Amino acid sequence: MVTNKYFTTDDVFGVVPEMARLLAVLIPIERAIREKYSSDPSVADWDFPFPKWEFGQLWPAYFEWFNKGGKRCLKLDPINWAEP
């Protein structure tokens, strides 16, 4: 959705500011799956894993967003319990 400009990086990363942690975990897992099963003869020809090109675009997009102002999302304002 970010790649095709349906959502802005603020729309996605602002809601999930820990996206860097998620990507840091998911990217190596996806690469390991692709590496392990790409040459596995027991996997059907039509079922081979393919590279997730979105990860290659989301990773730099996240850091661009973070450096432009996303850092503010890491610190949450305390809840004012006096307000209704």
Protein backbone atom coordinates (compact mmCIF):
# COMPACT_ATOMS: atom_id res chain seq x y z
CA MET A 1 0.00 0.00 0.00
CA VAL A 2 2.91 2.36 0.73
CA THR A 3 4.71 1.41 -2.47
CA ASN A 4 1.64 2.11 -4.59
CA LYS A 5 0.95 5.38 -2.73
CA TYR A 6 -2.38 4.27 -1.27
CA PHE A 7 -0.98 5.08 2.16
CA THR A 8 1.71 7.54 3.12
CA THR A 9 4.64 6.46 5.26
CA ASP A 10 3.08 8.50 8.08
CA ASP A 11 -0.12 6.47 7.73
CA VAL A 12 1.73 3.19 8.19
CA PHE A 13 4.81 3.89 10.25
CA GLY A 14 3.06 6.46 12.45
CA VAL A 15 0.61 3.78 13.58
CA VAL A 16 3.31 1.15 13.99
CA PRO A 17 6.43 3.12 14.96
CA GLU A 18 8.21 -0.12 15.86
CA MET A 19 8.18 -1.12 12.19
CA ALA A 20 11.99 -1.23 12.17
CA ARG A 21 11.91 -4.04 14.74
CA LEU A 22 9.31 -5.93 12.75
CA LEU A 23 11.24 -5.55 9.51
CA ALA A 24 14.51 -6.50 11.23
CA VAL A 25 12.91 -9.79 12.26
CA LEU A 26 10.81 -10.53 9.17
CA ILE A 27 13.41 -9.79 6.48
CA PRO A 28 15.94 -12.43 7.68
CA ILE A 29 13.13 -14.97 8.20
CA GLU A 30 11.84 -14.45 4.66
CA ARG A 31 15.36 -14.73 3.25
CA ALA A 32 16.01 -17.94 5.19
CA ILE A 33 12.74 -19.48 3.98
CA ARG A 34 13.53 -18.55 0.40
CA GLU A 35 17.07 -19.92 0.67
CA LYS A 36 16.00 -23.18 2.33
CA TYR A 37 13.10 -24.02 0.04
CA SER A 38 14.27 -22.58 -3.29
CA SER A 39 16.30 -25.69 -4.03
CA ASP A 40 14.18 -28.22 -2.15
CA PRO A 41 13.05 -30.95 -4.58
CA SER A 42 10.05 -31.82 -2.41
CA VAL A 43 8.48 -28.38 -3.06
CA ALA A 44 6.19 -28.26 -6.08
CA ASP A 45 7.32 -26.19 -9.07
CA TRP A 46 4.49 -23.72 -8.57
CA ASP A 47 5.06 -23.36 -4.80
CA PHE A 48 8.61 -22.02 -4.58
CA PRO A 49 9.07 -18.99 -2.32
CA PHE A 50 9.82 -15.76 -4.09
CA PRO A 51 11.64 -12.66 -2.85
CA LYS A 52 9.49 -10.11 -1.09
CA TRP A 53 10.48 -6.97 -3.00
CA GLU A 54 8.36 -4.90 -0.65
CA PHE A 55 10.92 -5.41 2.11
CA GLY A 56 13.59 -3.85 -0.08
CA GLN A 57 11.43 -0.76 -0.47
CA LEU A 58 9.98 -0.56 3.04
CA TRP A 59 13.32 -0.66 4.84
CA PRO A 60 14.70 2.55 3.25
CA ALA A 61 11.24 4.18 3.36
CA TYR A 62 11.07 3.54 7.10
CA PHE A 63 14.42 5.21 7.77
CA GLU A 64 13.55 8.16 5.57
CA TRP A 65 10.31 8.59 7.51
CA PHE A 66 12.09 8.14 10.85
CA ASN A 67 14.76 10.72 10.06
CA LYS A 68 12.21 13.27 8.79
CA GLY A 69 10.19 13.25 12.00
CA GLY A 70 9.24 9.73 12.96
CA LYS A 71 11.49 9.90 16.00
CA ARG A 72 8.72 11.79 17.78
CA CYS A 73 6.59 8.59 17.72
CA LEU A 74 9.05 6.76 19.94
CA LYS A 75 8.17 8.88 22.94
CA LEU A 76 4.54 8.77 23.93
CA ASP A 77 3.01 11.66 25.79
CA PRO A 78 1.78 10.66 29.23
CA ILE A 79 -1.95 10.30 29.68
CA ASN A 80 -3.56 13.23 31.46
CA TRP A 81 -5.98 11.42 33.75
CA ALA A 82 -7.56 14.74 34.81
CA GLU A 83 -9.07 15.22 31.34
CA PRO A 84 -12.42 13.54 30.72
